[in-house]
Amino acid sequence: MKTSRNFNALAALLLIGAVTPVLAPGCAGSATRQSTGEYVDDASITAKVKTAFIADKLVKAGQIEIETFKGTVQLSGFVDTPEMKERAEKIAEGVRGVRKVVNNIIVK
């Protein structure tokens, strides 16, 4: 009976040792991939930026696309004035969790 328990414990340890290297990379983020937590954080940041754009009277939220990756917010689209472009960037910078803003908005 004792040998059976030892064998089961050894088998469990070997299984954990074999599976860990396979599963661990999926839990970590990389330069081009996000962990689940990062994805959720980025989705939250994007939603907060969109909400802030909608609440602002100068920025036309429907004209600006927002993408977030690891806290970096990228703005793209077309606006009518340089002031709108600058205002959109300032609003995005003011959102909690934003590390950097890349403003690719084009003034038409």
PDB file of N, CA and C in Angstrom:
ATOM      1  N   MET A   1       0.818  -1.192   0.000  1.00  0.00           N
ATOM      2  CA  MET A   1       0.000   0.000   0.000  1.00  0.00           C
ATOM      3  C   MET A   1       0.860   1.253   0.000  1.00  0.00           C
ATOM      4  N   LYS A   2       1.924   1.235   0.834  1.00  0.00           N
ATOM      5  CA  LYS A   2       2.813   2.387   0.911  1.00  0.00           C
ATOM      6  C   LYS A   2       3.534   2.589  -0.417  1.00  0.00           C
ATOM      7  N   THR A   3       3.917   1.502  -1.056  1.00  0.00           N
ATOM      8  CA  THR A   3       4.597   1.583  -2.345  1.00  0.00           C
ATOM      9  C   THR A   3       3.666   2.179  -3.395  1.00  0.00           C
ATOM     10  N   SER A   4       2.402   1.825  -3.324  1.00  0.00           N
ATOM     11  CA  SER A   4       1.424   2.350  -4.270  1.00  0.00           C
ATOM     12  C   SER A   4       1.275   3.866  -4.117  1.00  0.00           C
ATOM     13  N   ARG A   5       1.255   4.357  -2.872  1.00  0.00           N
ATOM     14  CA  ARG A   5       1.162   5.801  -2.637  1.00  0.00           C
ATOM     15  C   ARG A   5       2.403   6.516  -3.140  1.00  0.00           C
ATOM     16  N   ASN A   6       3.561   5.925  -2.882  1.00  0.00           N
ATOM     17  CA  ASN A   6       4.806   6.529  -3.360  1.00  0.00           C
ATOM     18  C   ASN A   6       4.829   6.586  -4.884  1.00  0.00           C
ATOM     19  N   PHE A   7       4.355   5.503  -5.507  1.00  0.00           N
ATOM     20  CA  PHE A   7       4.321   5.464  -6.961  1.00  0.00           C
ATOM     21  C   PHE A   7       3.375   6.539  -7.500  1.00  0.00           C
ATOM     22  N   ASN A   8       2.212   6.691  -6.878  1.00  0.00           N
ATOM     23  CA  ASN A   8       1.245   7.710  -7.317  1.00  0.00           C
ATOM     24  C   ASN A   8       1.811   9.118  -7.147  1.00  0.00           C
ATOM     25  N   ALA A   9       2.494   9.354  -6.040  1.00  0.00           N
ATOM     26  CA  ALA A   9       3.097  10.666  -5.808  1.00  0.00           C
ATOM     27  C   ALA A   9       4.169  10.954  -6.848  1.00  0.00           C
ATOM     28  N   LEU A  10       5.000   9.949  -7.136  1.00  0.00           N
ATOM     29  CA  LEU A  10       6.055  10.111  -8.140  1.00  0.00           C
ATOM     30  C   LEU A  10       5.448  10.361  -9.521  1.00  0.00           C
ATOM     31  N   ALA A  11       4.404   9.621  -9.842  1.00  0.00           N
ATOM     32  CA  ALA A  11       3.743   9.796 -11.142  1.00  0.00           C
ATOM     33  C   ALA A  11       3.158  11.202 -11.266  1.00  0.00           C
ATOM     34  N   ALA A  12       2.564  11.703 -10.187  1.00  0.00           N
ATOM     35  CA  ALA A  12       1.994  13.052 -10.210  1.00  0.00           C
ATOM     36  C   ALA A  12       3.079  14.104 -10.409  1.00  0.00           C
ATOM     37  N   LEU A  13       4.200  13.943  -9.714  1.00  0.00           N
ATOM     38  CA  LEU A  13       5.308  14.892  -9.870  1.00  0.00           C
ATOM     39  C   LEU A  13       5.871  14.870 -11.287  1.00  0.00           C
ATOM     40  N   LEU A  14       6.011  13.679 -11.849  1.00  0.00           N
ATOM     41  CA  LEU A  14       6.517  13.572 -13.221  1.00  0.00           C
ATOM     42  C   LEU A  14       5.545  14.215 -14.210  1.00  0.00           C
ATOM     43  N   LEU A  15       4.265  14.022 -13.983  1.00  0.00           N
ATOM     44  CA  LEU A  15       3.257  14.612 -14.863  1.00  0.00           C
ATOM     45  C   LEU A  15       3.296  16.135 -14.787  1.00  0.00           C
ATOM     46  N   ILE A  16       3.388  16.663 -13.583  1.00  0.00           N
ATOM     47  CA  ILE A  16       3.481  18.117 -13.415  1.00  0.00           C
ATOM     48  C   ILE A  16       4.737  18.643 -14.096  1.00  0.00           C
ATOM     49  N   GLY A  17       5.843  17.931 -13.916  1.00  0.00           N
ATOM     50  CA  GLY A  17       7.106  18.342 -14.540  1.00  0.00           C
ATOM     51  C   GLY A  17       7.045  18.310 -16.053  1.00  0.00           C
ATOM     52  N   ALA A  18       6.291  17.368 -16.598  1.00  0.00           N
ATOM     53  CA  ALA A  18       6.190  17.255 -18.052  1.00  0.00           C
ATOM     54  C   ALA A  18       5.235  18.289 -18.642  1.00  0.00           C
ATOM     55  N   VAL A  19       4.176  18.622 -17.922  1.00  0.00           N
ATOM     56  CA  VAL A  19       3.150  19.522 -18.445  1.00  0.00           C
ATOM     57  C   VAL A  19       3.526  20.990 -18.265  1.00  0.00           C
ATOM     58  N   THR A  20       4.213  21.330 -17.206  1.00  0.00           N
ATOM     59  CA  THR A  20       4.529  22.727 -16.902  1.00  0.00           C
ATOM     60  C   THR A  20       5.252  23.441 -18.042  1.00  0.00           C
ATOM     61  N   PRO A  21       6.315  22.869 -18.634  1.00  0.00           N
ATOM     62  CA  PRO A  21       6.983  23.590 -19.727  1.00  0.00           C
ATOM     63  C   PRO A  21       6.086  23.818 -20.941  1.00  0.00           C
ATOM     64  N   VAL A  22       5.101  22.965 -21.116  1.00  0.00           N
ATOM     65  CA  VAL A  22       4.196  23.111 -22.251  1.00  0.00           C
ATOM     66  C   VAL A  22       3.168  24.215 -21.991  1.00  0.00           C
ATOM     67  N   LEU A  23       2.648  24.294 -20.783  1.00  0.00           N
ATOM     68  CA  LEU A  23       1.588  25.252 -20.473  1.00  0.00           C
ATOM     69  C   LEU A  23       2.088  26.620 -20.048  1.00  0.00           C
ATOM     70  N   ALA A  24       3.241  26.697 -19.428  1.00  0.00           N
ATOM     71  CA  ALA A  24       3.735  27.963 -18.874  1.00  0.00           C
ATOM     72  C   ALA A  24       3.858  29.078 -19.905  1.00  0.00           C
ATOM     73  N   PRO A  25       4.360  28.826 -21.116  1.00  0.00           N
ATOM     74  CA  PRO A  25       4.464  29.934 -22.074  1.00  0.00           C
ATOM     75  C   PRO A  25       3.122  30.566 -22.416  1.00  0.00           C
ATOM     76  N   GLY A  26       2.050  29.823 -22.343  1.00  0.00           N
ATOM     77  CA  GLY A  26       0.730  30.373 -22.628  1.00  0.00           C
ATOM     78  C   GLY A  26       0.241  31.336 -21.565  1.00  0.00           C
ATOM     79  N   CYS A  27       0.829  31.280 -20.395  1.00  0.00           N
ATOM     80  CA  CYS A  27       0.414  32.152 -19.294  1.00  0.00           C
ATOM     81  C   CYS A  27       1.151  33.478 -19.297  1.00  0.00           C
ATOM     82  N   ALA A  28       2.263  33.540 -19.991  1.00  0.00           N
ATOM     83  CA  ALA A  28       3.088  34.744 -19.974  1.00  0.00           C
ATOM     84  C   ALA A  28       2.854  35.563 -21.233  1.00  0.00           C
ATOM     85  N   GLY A  29       2.982  36.872 -21.111  1.00  0.00           N
ATOM     86  CA  GLY A  29       2.892  37.739 -22.273  1.00  0.00           C
ATOM     87  C   GLY A  29       4.239  37.809 -22.967  1.00  0.00           C
ATOM     88  N   SER A  30       4.260  38.379 -24.130  1.00  0.00           N
ATOM     89  CA  SER A  30       5.503  38.596 -24.859  1.00  0.00           C
ATOM     90  C   SER A  30       5.376  39.925 -25.587  1.00  0.00           C
ATOM     91  N   ALA A  31       6.372  40.235 -26.394  1.00  0.00           N
ATOM     92  CA  ALA A  31       6.345  41.508 -27.114  1.00  0.00           C
ATOM     93  C   ALA A  31       5.185  41.575 -28.109  1.00  0.00           C
ATOM     94  N   THR A  32       4.766  40.428 -28.619  1.00  0.00           N
ATOM     95  CA  THR A  32       3.711  40.426 -29.631  1.00  0.00           C
ATOM     96  C   THR A  32       2.425  39.767 -29.155  1.00  0.00           C
ATOM     97  N   ARG A  33       2.450  39.136 -27.974  1.00  0.00           N
ATOM     98  CA  ARG A  33       1.260  38.471 -27.441  1.00  0.00           C
ATOM     99  C   ARG A  33       0.951  39.011 -26.055  1.00  0.00           C
ATOM    100  N   GLN A  34      -0.300  38.892 -25.673  1.00  0.00           N
ATOM    101  CA  GLN A  34      -0.737  39.372 -24.369  1.00  0.00           C
ATOM    102  C   GLN A  34      -1.176  38.203 -23.501  1.00  0.00           C
ATOM    103  N   SER A  35      -0.968  38.357 -22.210  1.00  0.00           N
ATOM    104  CA  SER A  35      -1.569  37.413 -21.282  1.00  0.00           C
ATOM    105  C   SER A  35      -3.054  37.755 -21.185  1.00  0.00           C
ATOM    106  N   THR A  36      -3.815  36.877 -20.590  1.00  0.00           N
ATOM    107  CA  THR A  36      -5.245  37.127 -20.430  1.00  0.00           C
ATOM    108  C   THR A  36      -5.487  38.391 -19.614  1.00  0.00           C
ATOM    109  N   GLY A  37      -4.707  38.577 -18.565  1.00  0.00           N
ATOM    110  CA  GLY A  37      -4.852  39.771 -17.725  1.00  0.00           C
ATOM    111  C   GLY A  37      -4.570  41.047 -18.491  1.00  0.00           C
ATOM    112  N   GLU A  38      -3.523  41.022 -19.328  1.00  0.00           N
ATOM    113  CA  GLU A  38      -3.195  42.202 -20.132  1.00  0.00           C
ATOM    114  C   GLU A  38      -4.311  42.501 -21.128  1.00  0.00           C
ATOM    115  N   TYR A  39      -4.871  41.448 -21.724  1.00  0.00           N
ATOM    116  CA  TYR A  39      -5.953  41.630 -22.690  1.00  0.00           C
ATOM    117  C   TYR A  39      -7.156  42.305 -22.029  1.00  0.00           C
ATOM    118  N   VAL A  40      -7.503  41.835 -20.838  1.00  0.00           N
ATOM    119  CA  VAL A  40      -8.634  42.416 -20.111  1.00  0.00           C
ATOM    120  C   VAL A  40      -8.335  43.865 -19.737  1.00  0.00           C
ATOM    121  N   ASP A  41      -7.116  44.134 -19.264  1.00  0.00           N
ATOM    122  CA  ASP A  41      -6.732  45.505 -18.920  1.00  0.00           C
ATOM    123  C   ASP A  41      -6.823  46.418 -20.141  1.00  0.00           C
ATOM    124  N   ASP A  42      -6.311  45.949 -21.273  1.00  0.00           N
ATOM    125  CA  ASP A  42      -6.333  46.755 -22.492  1.00  0.00           C
ATOM    126  C   ASP A  42      -7.761  47.014 -22.971  1.00  0.00           C
ATOM    127  N   ALA A  43      -8.616  46.015 -22.874  1.00  0.00           N
ATOM    128  CA  ALA A  43     -10.017  46.201 -23.267  1.00  0.00           C
ATOM    129  C   ALA A  43     -10.683  47.245 -22.372  1.00  0.00           C
ATOM    130  N   SER A  44     -10.344  47.220 -21.105  1.00  0.00           N
ATOM    131  CA  SER A  44     -10.890  48.204 -20.162  1.00  0.00           C
ATOM    132  C   SER A  44     -10.397  49.610 -20.494  1.00  0.00           C
ATOM    133  N   ILE A  45      -9.116  49.735 -20.810  1.00  0.00           N
ATOM    134  CA  ILE A  45      -8.553  51.041 -21.178  1.00  0.00           C
ATOM    135  C   ILE A  45      -9.242  51.571 -22.432  1.00  0.00           C
ATOM    136  N   THR A  46      -9.392  50.719 -23.436  1.00  0.00           N
ATOM    137  CA  THR A  46     -10.050  51.130 -24.678  1.00  0.00           C
ATOM    138  C   THR A  46     -11.465  51.630 -24.395  1.00  0.00           C
ATOM    139  N   ALA A  47     -12.199  50.912 -23.566  1.00  0.00           N
ATOM    140  CA  ALA A  47     -13.569  51.313 -23.227  1.00  0.00           C
ATOM    141  C   ALA A  47     -13.586  52.654 -22.497  1.00  0.00           C
ATOM    142  N   LYS A  48     -12.636  52.867 -21.603  1.00  0.00           N
ATOM    143  CA  LYS A  48     -12.580  54.132 -20.861  1.00  0.00           C
ATOM    144  C   LYS A  48     -12.246  55.304 -21.783  1.00  0.00           C
ATOM    145  N   VAL A  49     -11.333  55.079 -22.730  1.00  0.00           N
ATOM    146  CA  VAL A  49     -10.984  56.142 -23.681  1.00  0.00           C
ATOM    147  C   VAL A  49     -12.201  56.469 -24.552  1.00  0.00           C
ATOM    148  N   LYS A  50     -12.888  55.438 -25.051  1.00  0.00           N
ATOM    149  CA  LYS A  50     -14.087  55.675 -25.873  1.00  0.00           C
ATOM    150  C   LYS A  50     -15.139  56.455 -25.094  1.00  0.00           C
ATOM    151  N   THR A  51     -15.348  56.068 -23.848  1.00  0.00           N
ATOM    152  CA  THR A  51     -16.326  56.758 -23.003  1.00  0.00           C
ATOM    153  C   THR A  51     -15.946  58.220 -22.806  1.00  0.00           C
ATOM    154  N   ALA A  52     -14.662  58.465 -22.593  1.00  0.00           N
ATOM    155  CA  ALA A  52     -14.187  59.845 -22.414  1.00  0.00           C
ATOM    156  C   ALA A  52     -14.365  60.648 -23.700  1.00  0.00           C
ATOM    157  N   PHE A  53     -14.141  60.023 -24.850  1.00  0.00           N
ATOM    158  CA  PHE A  53     -14.346  60.711 -26.129  1.00  0.00           C
ATOM    159  C   PHE A  53     -15.822  61.073 -26.308  1.00  0.00           C
ATOM    160  N   ILE A  54     -16.705  60.151 -25.977  1.00  0.00           N
ATOM    161  CA  ILE A  54     -18.142  60.391 -26.127  1.00  0.00           C
ATOM    162  C   ILE A  54     -18.595  61.541 -25.230  1.00  0.00           C
ATOM    163  N   ALA A  55     -18.019  61.619 -24.039  1.00  0.00           N
ATOM    164  CA  ALA A  55     -18.400  62.666 -23.083  1.00  0.00           C
ATOM    165  C   ALA A  55     -17.857  64.041 -23.461  1.00  0.00           C
ATOM    166  N   ASP A  56     -16.836  64.083 -24.305  1.00  0.00           N
ATOM    167  CA  ASP A  56     -16.218  65.353 -24.679  1.00  0.00           C
ATOM    168  C   ASP A  56     -17.008  66.015 -25.806  1.00  0.00           C
ATOM    169  N   LYS A  57     -17.167  67.329 -25.722  1.00  0.00           N
ATOM    170  CA  LYS A  57     -17.947  68.058 -26.727  1.00  0.00           C
ATOM    171  C   LYS A  57     -17.166  68.342 -28.005  1.00  0.00           C
ATOM    172  N   LEU A  58     -15.842  68.395 -27.921  1.00  0.00           N
ATOM    173  CA  LEU A  58     -15.028  68.727 -29.088  1.00  0.00           C
ATOM    174  C   LEU A  58     -14.725  67.497 -29.947  1.00  0.00           C
ATOM    175  N   VAL A  59     -14.425  66.384 -29.299  1.00  0.00           N
ATOM    176  CA  VAL A  59     -14.013  65.176 -30.026  1.00  0.00           C
ATOM    177  C   VAL A  59     -15.242  64.433 -30.546  1.00  0.00           C
ATOM    178  N   LYS A  60     -15.183  64.044 -31.806  1.00  0.00           N
ATOM    179  CA  LYS A  60     -16.244  63.232 -32.401  1.00  0.00           C
ATOM    180  C   LYS A  60     -15.796  61.773 -32.325  1.00  0.00           C
ATOM    181  N   ALA A  61     -16.312  61.067 -31.333  1.00  0.00           N
ATOM    182  CA  ALA A  61     -15.862  59.708 -31.026  1.00  0.00           C
ATOM    183  C   ALA A  61     -16.000  58.757 -32.212  1.00  0.00           C
ATOM    184  N   GLY A  62     -17.000  58.952 -33.036  1.00  0.00           N
ATOM    185  CA  GLY A  62     -17.230  58.060 -34.167  1.00  0.00           C
ATOM    186  C   GLY A  62     -16.177  58.151 -35.259  1.00  0.00           C
ATOM    187  N   GLN A  63     -15.363  59.200 -35.232  1.00  0.00           N
ATOM    188  CA  GLN A  63     -14.340  59.380 -36.258  1.00  0.00           C
ATOM    189  C   GLN A  63     -12.997  58.765 -35.869  1.00  0.00           C
ATOM    190  N   ILE A  64     -12.863  58.319 -34.630  1.00  0.00           N
ATOM    191  CA  ILE A  64     -11.555  57.881 -34.134  1.00  0.00           C
ATOM    192  C   ILE A  64     -11.603  56.417 -33.719  1.00  0.00           C
ATOM    193  N   GLU A  65     -10.660  55.653 -34.235  1.00  0.00           N
ATOM    194  CA  GLU A  65     -10.485  54.256 -33.837  1.00  0.00           C
ATOM    195  C   GLU A  65      -9.486  54.208 -32.691  1.00  0.00           C
ATOM    196  N   ILE A  66      -9.727  53.321 -31.743  1.00  0.00           N
ATOM    197  CA  ILE A  66      -8.853  53.185 -30.579  1.00  0.00           C
ATOM    198  C   ILE A  66      -8.443  51.730 -30.449  1.00  0.00           C
ATOM    199  N   GLU A  67      -7.144  51.496 -30.376  1.00  0.00           N
ATOM    200  CA  GLU A  67      -6.611  50.160 -30.119  1.00  0.00           C
ATOM    201  C   GLU A  67      -5.630  50.267 -28.972  1.00  0.00           C
ATOM    202  N   THR A  68      -5.650  49.292 -28.080  1.00  0.00           N
ATOM    203  CA  THR A  68      -4.744  49.298 -26.935  1.00  0.00           C
ATOM    204  C   THR A  68      -3.991  47.986 -26.889  1.00  0.00           C
ATOM    205  N   PHE A  69      -2.671  48.067 -26.707  1.00  0.00           N
ATOM    206  CA  PHE A  69      -1.823  46.882 -26.579  1.00  0.00           C
ATOM    207  C   PHE A  69      -0.807  47.139 -25.482  1.00  0.00           C
ATOM    208  N   LYS A  70      -0.931  46.387 -24.404  1.00  0.00           N
ATOM    209  CA  LYS A  70      -0.028  46.499 -23.254  1.00  0.00           C
ATOM    210  C   LYS A  70       0.057  47.932 -22.731  1.00  0.00           C
ATOM    211  N   GLY A  71      -1.084  48.595 -22.667  1.00  0.00           N
ATOM    212  CA  GLY A  71      -1.144  49.943 -22.113  1.00  0.00           C
ATOM    213  C   GLY A  71      -0.841  51.063 -23.088  1.00  0.00           C
ATOM    214  N   THR A  72      -0.392  50.726 -24.298  1.00  0.00           N
ATOM    215  CA  THR A  72      -0.140  51.739 -25.322  1.00  0.00           C
ATOM    216  C   THR A  72      -1.401  51.900 -26.170  1.00  0.00           C
ATOM    217  N   VAL A  73      -1.932  53.102 -26.177  1.00  0.00           N
ATOM    218  CA  VAL A  73      -3.157  53.394 -26.917  1.00  0.00           C
ATOM    219  C   VAL A  73      -2.782  53.995 -28.263  1.00  0.00           C
ATOM    220  N   GLN A  74      -3.324  53.406 -29.327  1.00  0.00           N
ATOM    221  CA  GLN A  74      -3.096  53.941 -30.670  1.00  0.00           C
ATOM    222  C   GLN A  74      -4.398  54.534 -31.175  1.00  0.00           C
ATOM    223  N   LEU A  75      -4.324  55.794 -31.564  1.00  0.00           N
ATOM    224  CA  LEU A  75      -5.477  56.503 -32.103  1.00  0.00           C
ATOM    225  C   LEU A  75      -5.308  56.637 -33.608  1.00  0.00           C
ATOM    226  N   SER A  76      -6.370  56.366 -34.356  1.00  0.00           N
ATOM    227  CA  SER A  76      -6.317  56.539 -35.807  1.00  0.00           C
ATOM    228  C   SER A  76      -7.686  56.998 -36.289  1.00  0.00           C
ATOM    229  N   GLY A  77      -7.707  57.489 -37.498  1.00  0.00           N
ATOM    230  CA  GLY A  77      -8.943  57.997 -38.077  1.00  0.00           C
ATOM    231  C   GLY A  77      -8.744  59.406 -38.598  1.00  0.00           C
ATOM    232  N   PHE A  78      -9.853  60.076 -38.875  1.00  0.00           N
ATOM    233  CA  PHE A  78      -9.814  61.416 -39.451  1.00  0.00           C
ATOM    234  C   PHE A  78     -10.638  62.372 -38.593  1.00  0.00           C
ATOM    235  N   VAL A  79     -10.108  63.569 -38.396  1.00  0.00           N
ATOM    236  CA  VAL A  79     -10.836  64.618 -37.673  1.00  0.00           C
ATOM    237  C   VAL A  79     -10.806  65.895 -38.504  1.00  0.00           C
ATOM    238  N   ASP A  80     -11.635  66.850 -38.116  1.00  0.00           N
ATOM    239  CA  ASP A  80     -11.783  68.077 -38.894  1.00  0.00           C
ATOM    240  C   ASP A  80     -10.735  69.141 -38.593  1.00  0.00           C
ATOM    241  N   THR A  81     -10.216  69.159 -37.370  1.00  0.00           N
ATOM    242  CA  THR A  81      -9.299  70.238 -36.985  1.00  0.00           C
ATOM    243  C   THR A  81      -8.104  69.701 -36.195  1.00  0.00           C
ATOM    244  N   PRO A  82      -6.990  70.450 -36.216  1.00  0.00           N
ATOM    245  CA  PRO A  82      -5.836  70.066 -35.393  1.00  0.00           C
ATOM    246  C   PRO A  82      -6.180  70.049 -33.900  1.00  0.00           C
ATOM    247  N   GLU A  83      -7.104  70.912 -33.495  1.00  0.00           N
ATOM    248  CA  GLU A  83      -7.515  70.951 -32.084  1.00  0.00           C
ATOM    249  C   GLU A  83      -8.183  69.643 -31.661  1.00  0.00           C
ATOM    250  N   MET A  84      -8.974  69.077 -32.563  1.00  0.00           N
ATOM    251  CA  MET A  84      -9.621  67.794 -32.267  1.00  0.00           C
ATOM    252  C   MET A  84      -8.581  66.691 -32.097  1.00  0.00           C
ATOM    253  N   LYS A  85      -7.579  66.702 -32.951  1.00  0.00           N
ATOM    254  CA  LYS A  85      -6.514  65.700 -32.871  1.00  0.00           C
ATOM    255  C   LYS A  85      -5.780  65.820 -31.536  1.00  0.00           C
ATOM    256  N   GLU A  86      -5.411  67.039 -31.186  1.00  0.00           N
ATOM    257  CA  GLU A  86      -4.679  67.279 -29.939  1.00  0.00           C
ATOM    258  C   GLU A  86      -5.543  66.940 -28.724  1.00  0.00           C
ATOM    259  N   ARG A  87      -6.809  67.312 -28.780  1.00  0.00           N
ATOM    260  CA  ARG A  87      -7.720  67.045 -27.659  1.00  0.00           C
ATOM    261  C   ARG A  87      -7.889  65.541 -27.446  1.00  0.00           C
ATOM    262  N   ALA A  88      -8.021  64.788 -28.527  1.00  0.00           N
ATOM    263  CA  ALA A  88      -8.167  63.333 -28.418  1.00  0.00           C
ATOM    264  C   ALA A  88      -6.950  62.715 -27.731  1.00  0.00           C
ATOM    265  N   GLU A  89      -5.771  63.190 -28.095  1.00  0.00           N
ATOM    266  CA  GLU A  89      -4.546  62.677 -27.478  1.00  0.00           C
ATOM    267  C   GLU A  89      -4.511  62.996 -25.984  1.00  0.00           C
ATOM    268  N   LYS A  90      -4.855  64.225 -25.633  1.00  0.00           N
ATOM    269  CA  LYS A  90      -4.849  64.635 -24.217  1.00  0.00           C
ATOM    270  C   LYS A  90      -5.855  63.822 -23.401  1.00  0.00           C
ATOM    271  N   ILE A  91      -7.018  63.586 -23.972  1.00  0.00           N
ATOM    272  CA  ILE A  91      -8.027  62.789 -23.265  1.00  0.00           C
ATOM    273  C   ILE A  91      -7.500  61.377 -23.022  1.00  0.00           C
ATOM    274  N   ALA A  92      -6.933  60.764 -24.059  1.00  0.00           N
ATOM    275  CA  ALA A  92      -6.406  59.400 -23.926  1.00  0.00           C
ATOM    276  C   ALA A  92      -5.292  59.342 -22.884  1.00  0.00           C
ATOM    277  N   GLU A  93      -4.419  60.341 -22.881  1.00  0.00           N
ATOM    278  CA  GLU A  93      -3.328  60.377 -21.899  1.00  0.00           C
ATOM    279  C   GLU A  93      -3.851  60.467 -20.467  1.00  0.00           C
ATOM    280  N   GLY A  94      -5.024  61.043 -20.301  1.00  0.00           N
ATOM    281  CA  GLY A  94      -5.590  61.223 -18.968  1.00  0.00           C
ATOM    282  C   GLY A  94      -6.313  60.005 -18.412  1.00  0.00           C
ATOM    283  N   VAL A  95      -6.446  58.969 -19.215  1.00  0.00           N
ATOM    284  CA  VAL A  95      -7.148  57.769 -18.761  1.00  0.00           C
ATOM    285  C   VAL A  95      -6.204  56.902 -17.935  1.00  0.00           C
ATOM    286  N   ARG A  96      -6.696  56.461 -16.795  1.00  0.00           N
ATOM    287  CA  ARG A  96      -5.882  55.636 -15.903  1.00  0.00           C
ATOM    288  C   ARG A  96      -5.490  54.326 -16.585  1.00  0.00           C
ATOM    289  N   GLY A  97      -4.220  53.972 -16.488  1.00  0.00           N
ATOM    290  CA  GLY A  97      -3.714  52.739 -17.081  1.00  0.00           C
ATOM    291  C   GLY A  97      -2.994  52.946 -18.401  1.00  0.00           C
ATOM    292  N   VAL A  98      -3.184  54.115 -19.009  1.00  0.00           N
ATOM    293  CA  VAL A  98      -2.527  54.402 -20.286  1.00  0.00           C
ATOM    294  C   VAL A  98      -1.057  54.713 -20.023  1.00  0.00           C
ATOM    295  N   ARG A  99      -0.184  53.956 -20.678  1.00  0.00           N
ATOM    296  CA  ARG A  99       1.261  54.172 -20.527  1.00  0.00           C
ATOM    297  C   ARG A  99       1.803  55.130 -21.582  1.00  0.00           C
ATOM    298  N   LYS A 100       1.198  55.057 -22.774  1.00  0.00           N
ATOM    299  CA  LYS A 100       1.700  55.844 -23.905  1.00  0.00           C
ATOM    300  C   LYS A 100       0.558  56.000 -24.902  1.00  0.00           C
ATOM    301  N   VAL A 101       0.568  57.116 -25.637  1.00  0.00           N
ATOM    302  CA  VAL A 101      -0.421  57.333 -26.692  1.00  0.00           C
ATOM    303  C   VAL A 101       0.313  57.552 -28.006  1.00  0.00           C
ATOM    304  N   VAL A 102      -0.062  56.780 -29.014  1.00  0.00           N
ATOM    305  CA  VAL A 102       0.455  56.957 -30.371  1.00  0.00           C
ATOM    306  C   VAL A 102      -0.692  57.569 -31.173  1.00  0.00           C
ATOM    307  N   ASN A 103      -0.504  58.816 -31.592  1.00  0.00           N
ATOM    308  CA  ASN A 103      -1.575  59.542 -32.261  1.00  0.00           C
ATOM    309  C   ASN A 103      -1.350  59.538 -33.772  1.00  0.00           C
ATOM    310  N   ASN A 104      -2.069  58.657 -34.457  1.00  0.00           N
ATOM    311  CA  ASN A 104      -1.998  58.572 -35.919  1.00  0.00           C
ATOM    312  C   ASN A 104      -3.232  59.185 -36.575  1.00  0.00           C
ATOM    313  N   ILE A 105      -3.904  60.054 -35.865  1.00  0.00           N
ATOM    314  CA  ILE A 105      -5.092  60.718 -36.404  1.00  0.00           C
ATOM    315  C   ILE A 105      -4.660  61.696 -37.498  1.00  0.00           C
ATOM    316  N   ILE A 106      -5.433  61.728 -38.567  1.00  0.00           N
ATOM    317  CA  ILE A 106      -5.145  62.621 -39.694  1.00  0.00           C
ATOM    318  C   ILE A 106      -6.195  63.727 -39.724  1.00  0.00           C
ATOM    319  N   VAL A 107      -5.722  64.963 -39.862  1.00  0.00           N
ATOM    320  CA  VAL A 107      -6.631  66.107 -39.988  1.00  0.00           C
ATOM    321  C   VAL A 107      -6.979  66.239 -41.462  1.00  0.00           C
ATOM    322  N   LYS A 108      -8.283  66.213 -41.769  1.00  0.00           N
ATOM    323  CA  LYS A 108      -8.680  66.300 -43.191  1.00  0.00           C
ATOM    324  C   LYS A 108      -9.097  67.700 -43.573  1.00  0.00           C
TER     325      LYS A 108
END
